[in-house]
Amino acid sequence: MENRVSTTDARRTFSELLKGVQMGRRYLITSNGRAIARLIPPGTDERWREAARARLLTRLRAQRALRSTKMRWTRDDLYEK
């Protein structure tokens, strides 16, 4: 089970949250009631990573590729000078 923590509380008690994570606790960081991040021990649950990856790939596949005949970029245009 995850403990819900607001971003304000997470900032204020970050070191305590990290100690909790070291002991195996999980935290769900929220902003305005919406989940924005999870603090979990490393390597404990690869399902989160795989689920996030699957959602990202699904979203990217659903997007149309942009093709513009007006703009032709060169490789040099893509790099800062």
PDB file of N, CA and C in Angstrom:
ATOM      1  N   MET A   1       0.836  -1.186   0.000  1.00  0.00           N
ATOM      2  CA  MET A   1       0.000   0.000   0.000  1.00  0.00           C
ATOM      3  C   MET A   1       0.877   1.244   0.000  1.00  0.00           C
ATOM      4  N   GLU A   2       0.447   2.248  -0.715  1.00  0.00           N
ATOM      5  CA  GLU A   2       1.196   3.490  -0.799  1.00  0.00           C
ATOM      6  C   GLU A   2       0.597   4.541   0.123  1.00  0.00           C
ATOM      7  N   ASN A   3       1.458   5.320   0.714  1.00  0.00           N
ATOM      8  CA  ASN A   3       1.023   6.459   1.507  1.00  0.00           C
ATOM      9  C   ASN A   3       0.951   7.667   0.593  1.00  0.00           C
ATOM     10  N   ARG A   4      -0.142   8.402   0.624  1.00  0.00           N
ATOM     11  CA  ARG A   4      -0.293   9.613  -0.196  1.00  0.00           C
ATOM     12  C   ARG A   4       0.355  10.788   0.531  1.00  0.00           C
ATOM     13  N   VAL A   5       1.157  11.555  -0.217  1.00  0.00           N
ATOM     14  CA  VAL A   5       1.861  12.702   0.342  1.00  0.00           C
ATOM     15  C   VAL A   5       1.742  13.848  -0.660  1.00  0.00           C
ATOM     16  N   SER A   6       1.368  15.020  -0.183  1.00  0.00           N
ATOM     17  CA  SER A   6       1.287  16.185  -1.076  1.00  0.00           C
ATOM     18  C   SER A   6       2.692  16.659  -1.418  1.00  0.00           C
ATOM     19  N   THR A   7       2.814  17.398  -2.504  1.00  0.00           N
ATOM     20  CA  THR A   7       4.125  17.907  -2.894  1.00  0.00           C
ATOM     21  C   THR A   7       4.711  18.817  -1.815  1.00  0.00           C
ATOM     22  N   THR A   8       3.856  19.589  -1.171  1.00  0.00           N
ATOM     23  CA  THR A   8       4.323  20.472  -0.101  1.00  0.00           C
ATOM     24  C   THR A   8       4.920  19.657   1.042  1.00  0.00           C
ATOM     25  N   ASP A   9       4.200  18.619   1.481  1.00  0.00           N
ATOM     26  CA  ASP A   9       4.716  17.765   2.553  1.00  0.00           C
ATOM     27  C   ASP A   9       5.952  16.993   2.108  1.00  0.00           C
ATOM     28  N   ALA A  10       5.982  16.579   0.848  1.00  0.00           N
ATOM     29  CA  ALA A  10       7.143  15.840   0.344  1.00  0.00           C
ATOM     30  C   ALA A  10       8.391  16.710   0.376  1.00  0.00           C
ATOM     31  N   ARG A  11       8.252  17.976  -0.001  1.00  0.00           N
ATOM     32  CA  ARG A  11       9.403  18.882   0.049  1.00  0.00           C
ATOM     33  C   ARG A  11       9.881  19.075   1.486  1.00  0.00           C
ATOM     34  N   ARG A  12       8.923  19.227   2.375  1.00  0.00           N
ATOM     35  CA  ARG A  12       9.270  19.520   3.763  1.00  0.00           C
ATOM     36  C   ARG A  12       9.875  18.309   4.475  1.00  0.00           C
ATOM     37  N   THR A  13       9.446  17.109   4.119  1.00  0.00           N
ATOM     38  CA  THR A  13       9.865  15.906   4.850  1.00  0.00           C
ATOM     39  C   THR A  13      10.613  14.913   3.961  1.00  0.00           C
ATOM     40  N   PHE A  14      11.312  15.416   2.938  1.00  0.00           N
ATOM     41  CA  PHE A  14      11.942  14.529   1.958  1.00  0.00           C
ATOM     42  C   PHE A  14      12.903  13.532   2.598  1.00  0.00           C
ATOM     43  N   SER A  15      13.731  13.975   3.514  1.00  0.00           N
ATOM     44  CA  SER A  15      14.692  13.045   4.132  1.00  0.00           C
ATOM     45  C   SER A  15      13.970  11.945   4.904  1.00  0.00           C
ATOM     46  N   GLU A  16      12.855  12.278   5.541  1.00  0.00           N
ATOM     47  CA  GLU A  16      12.070  11.253   6.239  1.00  0.00           C
ATOM     48  C   GLU A  16      11.443  10.278   5.251  1.00  0.00           C
ATOM     49  N   LEU A  17      10.989  10.783   4.121  1.00  0.00           N
ATOM     50  CA  LEU A  17      10.427   9.907   3.089  1.00  0.00           C
ATOM     51  C   LEU A  17      11.488   8.942   2.576  1.00  0.00           C
ATOM     52  N   LEU A  18      12.700   9.438   2.374  1.00  0.00           N
ATOM     53  CA  LEU A  18      13.770   8.564   1.902  1.00  0.00           C
ATOM     54  C   LEU A  18      14.093   7.474   2.923  1.00  0.00           C
ATOM     55  N   LYS A  19      14.070   7.821   4.195  1.00  0.00           N
ATOM     56  CA  LYS A  19      14.282   6.799   5.223  1.00  0.00           C
ATOM     57  C   LYS A  19      13.177   5.758   5.178  1.00  0.00           C
ATOM     58  N   GLY A  20      11.940   6.213   4.939  1.00  0.00           N
ATOM     59  CA  GLY A  20      10.824   5.276   4.803  1.00  0.00           C
ATOM     60  C   GLY A  20      10.997   4.357   3.613  1.00  0.00           C
ATOM     61  N   VAL A  21      11.473   4.902   2.495  1.00  0.00           N
ATOM     62  CA  VAL A  21      11.714   4.090   1.305  1.00  0.00           C
ATOM     63  C   VAL A  21      12.791   3.044   1.592  1.00  0.00           C
ATOM     64  N   GLN A  22      13.827   3.435   2.332  1.00  0.00           N
ATOM     65  CA  GLN A  22      14.872   2.475   2.698  1.00  0.00           C
ATOM     66  C   GLN A  22      14.306   1.317   3.518  1.00  0.00           C
ATOM     67  N   MET A  23      13.238   1.583   4.269  1.00  0.00           N
ATOM     68  CA  MET A  23      12.603   0.541   5.082  1.00  0.00           C
ATOM     69  C   MET A  23      11.530  -0.217   4.295  1.00  0.00           C
ATOM     70  N   GLY A  24      11.380   0.109   2.996  1.00  0.00           N
ATOM     71  CA  GLY A  24      10.442  -0.621   2.159  1.00  0.00           C
ATOM     72  C   GLY A  24       9.091   0.036   1.958  1.00  0.00           C
ATOM     73  N   ARG A  25       8.907   1.227   2.481  1.00  0.00           N
ATOM     74  CA  ARG A  25       7.628   1.925   2.297  1.00  0.00           C
ATOM     75  C   ARG A  25       7.538   2.530   0.907  1.00  0.00           C
ATOM     76  N   ARG A  26       6.313   2.779   0.474  1.00  0.00           N
ATOM     77  CA  ARG A  26       6.051   3.395  -0.825  1.00  0.00           C
ATOM     78  C   ARG A  26       5.224   4.648  -0.612  1.00  0.00           C
ATOM     79  N   TYR A  27       5.479   5.651  -1.436  1.00  0.00           N
ATOM     80  CA  TYR A  27       4.748   6.909  -1.321  1.00  0.00           C
ATOM     81  C   TYR A  27       4.233   7.337  -2.693  1.00  0.00           C
ATOM     82  N   LEU A  28       3.034   7.873  -2.702  1.00  0.00           N
ATOM     83  CA  LEU A  28       2.444   8.460  -3.899  1.00  0.00           C
ATOM     84  C   LEU A  28       2.416   9.965  -3.680  1.00  0.00           C
ATOM     85  N   ILE A  29       3.154  10.708  -4.504  1.00  0.00           N
ATOM     86  CA  ILE A  29       3.236  12.159  -4.381  1.00  0.00           C
ATOM     87  C   ILE A  29       2.105  12.768  -5.207  1.00  0.00           C
ATOM     88  N   THR A  30       1.344  13.670  -4.582  1.00  0.00           N
ATOM     89  CA  THR A  30       0.204  14.273  -5.267  1.00  0.00           C
ATOM     90  C   THR A  30       0.333  15.793  -5.328  1.00  0.00           C
ATOM     91  N   SER A  31      -0.276  16.353  -6.352  1.00  0.00           N
ATOM     92  CA  SER A  31      -0.347  17.792  -6.505  1.00  0.00           C
ATOM     93  C   SER A  31      -1.791  18.127  -6.867  1.00  0.00           C
ATOM     94  N   ASN A  32      -2.416  18.932  -6.033  1.00  0.00           N
ATOM     95  CA  ASN A  32      -3.841  19.258  -6.214  1.00  0.00           C
ATOM     96  C   ASN A  32      -4.698  18.002  -6.322  1.00  0.00           C
ATOM     97  N   GLY A  33      -4.353  16.989  -5.549  1.00  0.00           N
ATOM     98  CA  GLY A  33      -5.129  15.749  -5.523  1.00  0.00           C
ATOM     99  C   GLY A  33      -4.822  14.764  -6.632  1.00  0.00           C
ATOM    100  N   ARG A  34      -3.963  15.147  -7.578  1.00  0.00           N
ATOM    101  CA  ARG A  34      -3.615  14.266  -8.696  1.00  0.00           C
ATOM    102  C   ARG A  34      -2.255  13.633  -8.462  1.00  0.00           C
ATOM    103  N   ALA A  35      -2.140  12.353  -8.739  1.00  0.00           N
ATOM    104  CA  ALA A  35      -0.866  11.656  -8.591  1.00  0.00           C
ATOM    105  C   ALA A  35       0.123  12.173  -9.627  1.00  0.00           C
ATOM    106  N   ILE A  36       1.341  12.496  -9.174  1.00  0.00           N
ATOM    107  CA  ILE A  36       2.358  12.977 -10.115  1.00  0.00           C
ATOM    108  C   ILE A  36       3.648  12.157 -10.046  1.00  0.00           C
ATOM    109  N   ALA A  37       3.872  11.433  -8.941  1.00  0.00           N
ATOM    110  CA  ALA A  37       5.118  10.669  -8.822  1.00  0.00           C
ATOM    111  C   ALA A  37       4.962   9.592  -7.760  1.00  0.00           C
ATOM    112  N   ARG A  38       5.834   8.602  -7.843  1.00  0.00           N
ATOM    113  CA  ARG A  38       5.900   7.558  -6.829  1.00  0.00           C
ATOM    114  C   ARG A  38       7.326   7.477  -6.297  1.00  0.00           C
ATOM    115  N   LEU A  39       7.443   7.296  -5.010  1.00  0.00           N
ATOM    116  CA  LEU A  39       8.732   6.995  -4.388  1.00  0.00           C
ATOM    117  C   LEU A  39       8.652   5.548  -3.931  1.00  0.00           C
ATOM    118  N   ILE A  40       9.435   4.697  -4.564  1.00  0.00           N
ATOM    119  CA  ILE A  40       9.434   3.275  -4.187  1.00  0.00           C
ATOM    120  C   ILE A  40      10.880   2.796  -4.118  1.00  0.00           C
ATOM    121  N   PRO A  41      11.142   1.757  -3.369  1.00  0.00           N
ATOM    122  CA  PRO A  41      12.503   1.220  -3.328  1.00  0.00           C
ATOM    123  C   PRO A  41      12.925   0.758  -4.724  1.00  0.00           C
ATOM    124  N   PRO A  42      14.183   0.931  -5.086  1.00  0.00           N
ATOM    125  CA  PRO A  42      14.634   0.559  -6.430  1.00  0.00           C
ATOM    126  C   PRO A  42      14.507  -0.947  -6.668  1.00  0.00           C
ATOM    127  N   GLY A  43      14.082  -1.283  -7.878  1.00  0.00           N
ATOM    128  CA  GLY A  43      14.008  -2.684  -8.266  1.00  0.00           C
ATOM    129  C   GLY A  43      12.916  -3.487  -7.601  1.00  0.00           C
ATOM    130  N   THR A  44      12.007  -2.844  -6.863  1.00  0.00           N
ATOM    131  CA  THR A  44      10.991  -3.609  -6.151  1.00  0.00           C
ATOM    132  C   THR A  44       9.830  -4.021  -7.032  1.00  0.00           C
ATOM    133  N   ASP A  45       9.537  -3.234  -8.032  1.00  0.00           N
ATOM    134  CA  ASP A  45       8.368  -3.546  -8.836  1.00  0.00           C
ATOM    135  C   ASP A  45       8.565  -3.041 -10.252  1.00  0.00           C
ATOM    136  N   GLU A  46       9.003  -3.910 -11.122  1.00  0.00           N
ATOM    137  CA  GLU A  46       9.240  -3.522 -12.511  1.00  0.00           C
ATOM    138  C   GLU A  46       7.933  -3.299 -13.269  1.00  0.00           C
ATOM    139  N   ARG A  47       6.811  -3.729 -12.696  1.00  0.00           N
ATOM    140  CA  ARG A  47       5.523  -3.544 -13.377  1.00  0.00           C
ATOM    141  C   ARG A  47       5.235  -2.078 -13.618  1.00  0.00           C
ATOM    142  N   TRP A  48       5.595  -1.196 -12.687  1.00  0.00           N
ATOM    143  CA  TRP A  48       5.342   0.238 -12.862  1.00  0.00           C
ATOM    144  C   TRP A  48       6.077   0.750 -14.083  1.00  0.00           C
ATOM    145  N   ARG A  49       7.315   0.343 -14.203  1.00  0.00           N
ATOM    146  CA  ARG A  49       8.132   0.803 -15.320  1.00  0.00           C
ATOM    147  C   ARG A  49       7.586   0.272 -16.643  1.00  0.00           C
ATOM    148  N   GLU A  50       7.270  -1.000 -16.668  1.00  0.00           N
ATOM    149  CA  GLU A  50       6.750  -1.600 -17.894  1.00  0.00           C
ATOM    150  C   GLU A  50       5.393  -1.013 -18.277  1.00  0.00           C
ATOM    151  N   ALA A  51       4.544  -0.750 -17.285  1.00  0.00           N
ATOM    152  CA  ALA A  51       3.229  -0.154 -17.565  1.00  0.00           C
ATOM    153  C   ALA A  51       3.385   1.255 -18.114  1.00  0.00           C
ATOM    154  N   ALA A  52       4.304   2.035 -17.543  1.00  0.00           N
ATOM    155  CA  ALA A  52       4.536   3.397 -18.031  1.00  0.00           C
ATOM    156  C   ALA A  52       5.087   3.362 -19.449  1.00  0.00           C
ATOM    157  N   ARG A  53       5.987   2.442 -19.707  1.00  0.00           N
ATOM    158  CA  ARG A  53       6.558   2.307 -21.051  1.00  0.00           C
ATOM    159  C   ARG A  53       5.472   1.929 -22.058  1.00  0.00           C
ATOM    160  N   ALA A  54       4.614   0.991 -21.687  1.00  0.00           N
ATOM    161  CA  ALA A  54       3.532   0.556 -22.579  1.00  0.00           C
ATOM    162  C   ALA A  54       2.572   1.709 -22.874  1.00  0.00           C
ATOM    163  N   ARG A  55       2.235   2.506 -21.839  1.00  0.00           N
ATOM    164  CA  ARG A  55       1.344   3.654 -22.052  1.00  0.00           C
ATOM    165  C   ARG A  55       1.980   4.674 -22.992  1.00  0.00           C
ATOM    166  N   LEU A  56       3.272   4.933 -22.797  1.00  0.00           N
ATOM    167  CA  LEU A  56       3.969   5.881 -23.653  1.00  0.00           C
ATOM    168  C   LEU A  56       3.988   5.402 -25.102  1.00  0.00           C
ATOM    169  N   LEU A  57       4.326   4.142 -25.317  1.00  0.00           N
ATOM    170  CA  LEU A  57       4.379   3.620 -26.682  1.00  0.00           C
ATOM    171  C   LEU A  57       3.009   3.617 -27.337  1.00  0.00           C
ATOM    172  N   THR A  58       1.968   3.314 -26.574  1.00  0.00           N
ATOM    173  CA  THR A  58       0.613   3.352 -27.116  1.00  0.00           C
ATOM    174  C   THR A  58       0.249   4.760 -27.545  1.00  0.00           C
ATOM    175  N   ARG A  59       0.575   5.728 -26.701  1.00  0.00           N
ATOM    176  CA  ARG A  59       0.276   7.121 -27.036  1.00  0.00           C
ATOM    177  C   ARG A  59       1.062   7.592 -28.258  1.00  0.00           C
ATOM    178  N   LEU A  60       2.330   7.215 -28.335  1.00  0.00           N
ATOM    179  CA  LEU A  60       3.146   7.622 -29.479  1.00  0.00           C
ATOM    180  C   LEU A  60       2.655   6.982 -30.778  1.00  0.00           C
ATOM    181  N   ARG A  61       2.231   5.734 -30.713  1.00  0.00           N
ATOM    182  CA  ARG A  61       1.716   5.074 -31.918  1.00  0.00           C
ATOM    183  C   ARG A  61       0.416   5.701 -32.394  1.00  0.00           C
ATOM    184  N   ALA A  62      -0.364   6.248 -31.478  1.00  0.00           N
ATOM    185  CA  ALA A  62      -1.654   6.849 -31.833  1.00  0.00           C
ATOM    186  C   ALA A  62      -1.493   8.233 -32.463  1.00  0.00           C
ATOM    187  N   GLN A  63      -0.357   8.880 -32.240  1.00  0.00           N
ATOM    188  CA  GLN A  63      -0.144  10.219 -32.779  1.00  0.00           C
ATOM    189  C   GLN A  63       0.227  10.145 -34.253  1.00  0.00           C
ATOM    190  N   ARG A  64      -0.261  11.106 -34.991  1.00  0.00           N
ATOM    191  CA  ARG A  64       0.107  11.198 -36.401  1.00  0.00           C
ATOM    192  C   ARG A  64       1.504  11.787 -36.531  1.00  0.00           C
ATOM    193  N   ALA A  65       2.223  11.315 -37.498  1.00  0.00           N
ATOM    194  CA  ALA A  65       3.537  11.881 -37.775  1.00  0.00           C
ATOM    195  C   ALA A  65       3.357  13.238 -38.440  1.00  0.00           C
ATOM    196  N   LEU A  66       4.178  14.187 -38.061  1.00  0.00           N
ATOM    197  CA  LEU A  66       4.103  15.513 -38.653  1.00  0.00           C
ATOM    198  C   LEU A  66       4.922  15.541 -39.928  1.00  0.00           C
ATOM    199  N   ARG A  67       4.285  15.950 -40.976  1.00  0.00           N
ATOM    200  CA  ARG A  67       4.994  16.094 -42.248  1.00  0.00           C
ATOM    201  C   ARG A  67       4.681  17.477 -42.787  1.00  0.00           C
ATOM    202  N   SER A  68       5.675  18.282 -42.839  1.00  0.00           N
ATOM    203  CA  SER A  68       5.479  19.635 -43.320  1.00  0.00           C
ATOM    204  C   SER A  68       6.365  19.870 -44.530  1.00  0.00           C
ATOM    205  N   THR A  69       5.758  20.308 -45.588  1.00  0.00           N
ATOM    206  CA  THR A  69       6.547  20.620 -46.778  1.00  0.00           C
ATOM    207  C   THR A  69       7.106  22.030 -46.706  1.00  0.00           C
ATOM    208  N   LYS A  70       6.574  22.832 -45.779  1.00  0.00           N
ATOM    209  CA  LYS A  70       7.035  24.213 -45.653  1.00  0.00           C
ATOM    210  C   LYS A  70       8.400  24.296 -44.992  1.00  0.00           C
ATOM    211  N   MET A  71       8.659  23.388 -44.029  1.00  0.00           N
ATOM    212  CA  MET A  71       9.916  23.445 -43.289  1.00  0.00           C
ATOM    213  C   MET A  71      10.803  22.281 -43.684  1.00  0.00           C
ATOM    214  N   ARG A  72      11.956  22.598 -44.115  1.00  0.00           N
ATOM    215  CA  ARG A  72      12.962  21.578 -44.380  1.00  0.00           C
ATOM    216  C   ARG A  72      14.148  21.902 -43.485  1.00  0.00           C
ATOM    217  N   TRP A  73      14.356  21.087 -42.465  1.00  0.00           N
ATOM    218  CA  TRP A  73      15.452  21.330 -41.542  1.00  0.00           C
ATOM    219  C   TRP A  73      16.675  20.574 -41.993  1.00  0.00           C
ATOM    220  N   THR A  74      17.801  21.194 -41.769  1.00  0.00           N
ATOM    221  CA  THR A  74      19.062  20.494 -41.997  1.00  0.00           C
ATOM    222  C   THR A  74      19.554  19.985 -40.654  1.00  0.00           C
ATOM    223  N   ARG A  75      20.516  19.128 -40.691  1.00  0.00           N
ATOM    224  CA  ARG A  75      21.070  18.592 -39.453  1.00  0.00           C
ATOM    225  C   ARG A  75      21.644  19.717 -38.586  1.00  0.00           C
ATOM    226  N   ASP A  76      22.268  20.692 -39.219  1.00  0.00           N
ATOM    227  CA  ASP A  76      22.861  21.806 -38.474  1.00  0.00           C
ATOM    228  C   ASP A  76      21.796  22.642 -37.760  1.00  0.00           C
ATOM    229  N   ASP A  77      20.584  22.718 -38.343  1.00  0.00           N
ATOM    230  CA  ASP A  77      19.509  23.474 -37.705  1.00  0.00           C
ATOM    231  C   ASP A  77      19.082  22.867 -36.373  1.00  0.00           C
ATOM    232  N   LEU A  78      19.299  21.581 -36.210  1.00  0.00           N
ATOM    233  CA  LEU A  78      18.845  20.875 -35.007  1.00  0.00           C
ATOM    234  C   LEU A  78      19.799  21.016 -33.830  1.00  0.00           C
ATOM    235  N   TYR A  79      20.988  21.501 -34.078  1.00  0.00           N
ATOM    236  CA  TYR A  79      21.974  21.631 -33.016  1.00  0.00           C
ATOM    237  C   TYR A  79      22.210  23.086 -32.672  1.00  0.00           C
ATOM    238  N   GLU A  80      22.429  23.344 -31.386  1.00  0.00           N
ATOM    239  CA  GLU A  80      22.727  24.706 -30.965  1.00  0.00           C
ATOM    240  C   GLU A  80      24.125  25.087 -31.425  1.00  0.00           C
ATOM    241  N   LYS A  81      24.291  26.343 -31.734  1.00  0.00           N
ATOM    242  CA  LYS A  81      25.611  26.795 -32.187  1.00  0.00           C
ATOM    243  C   LYS A  81      26.309  27.560 -31.113  1.00  0.00           C
TER     244      LYS A  81
END
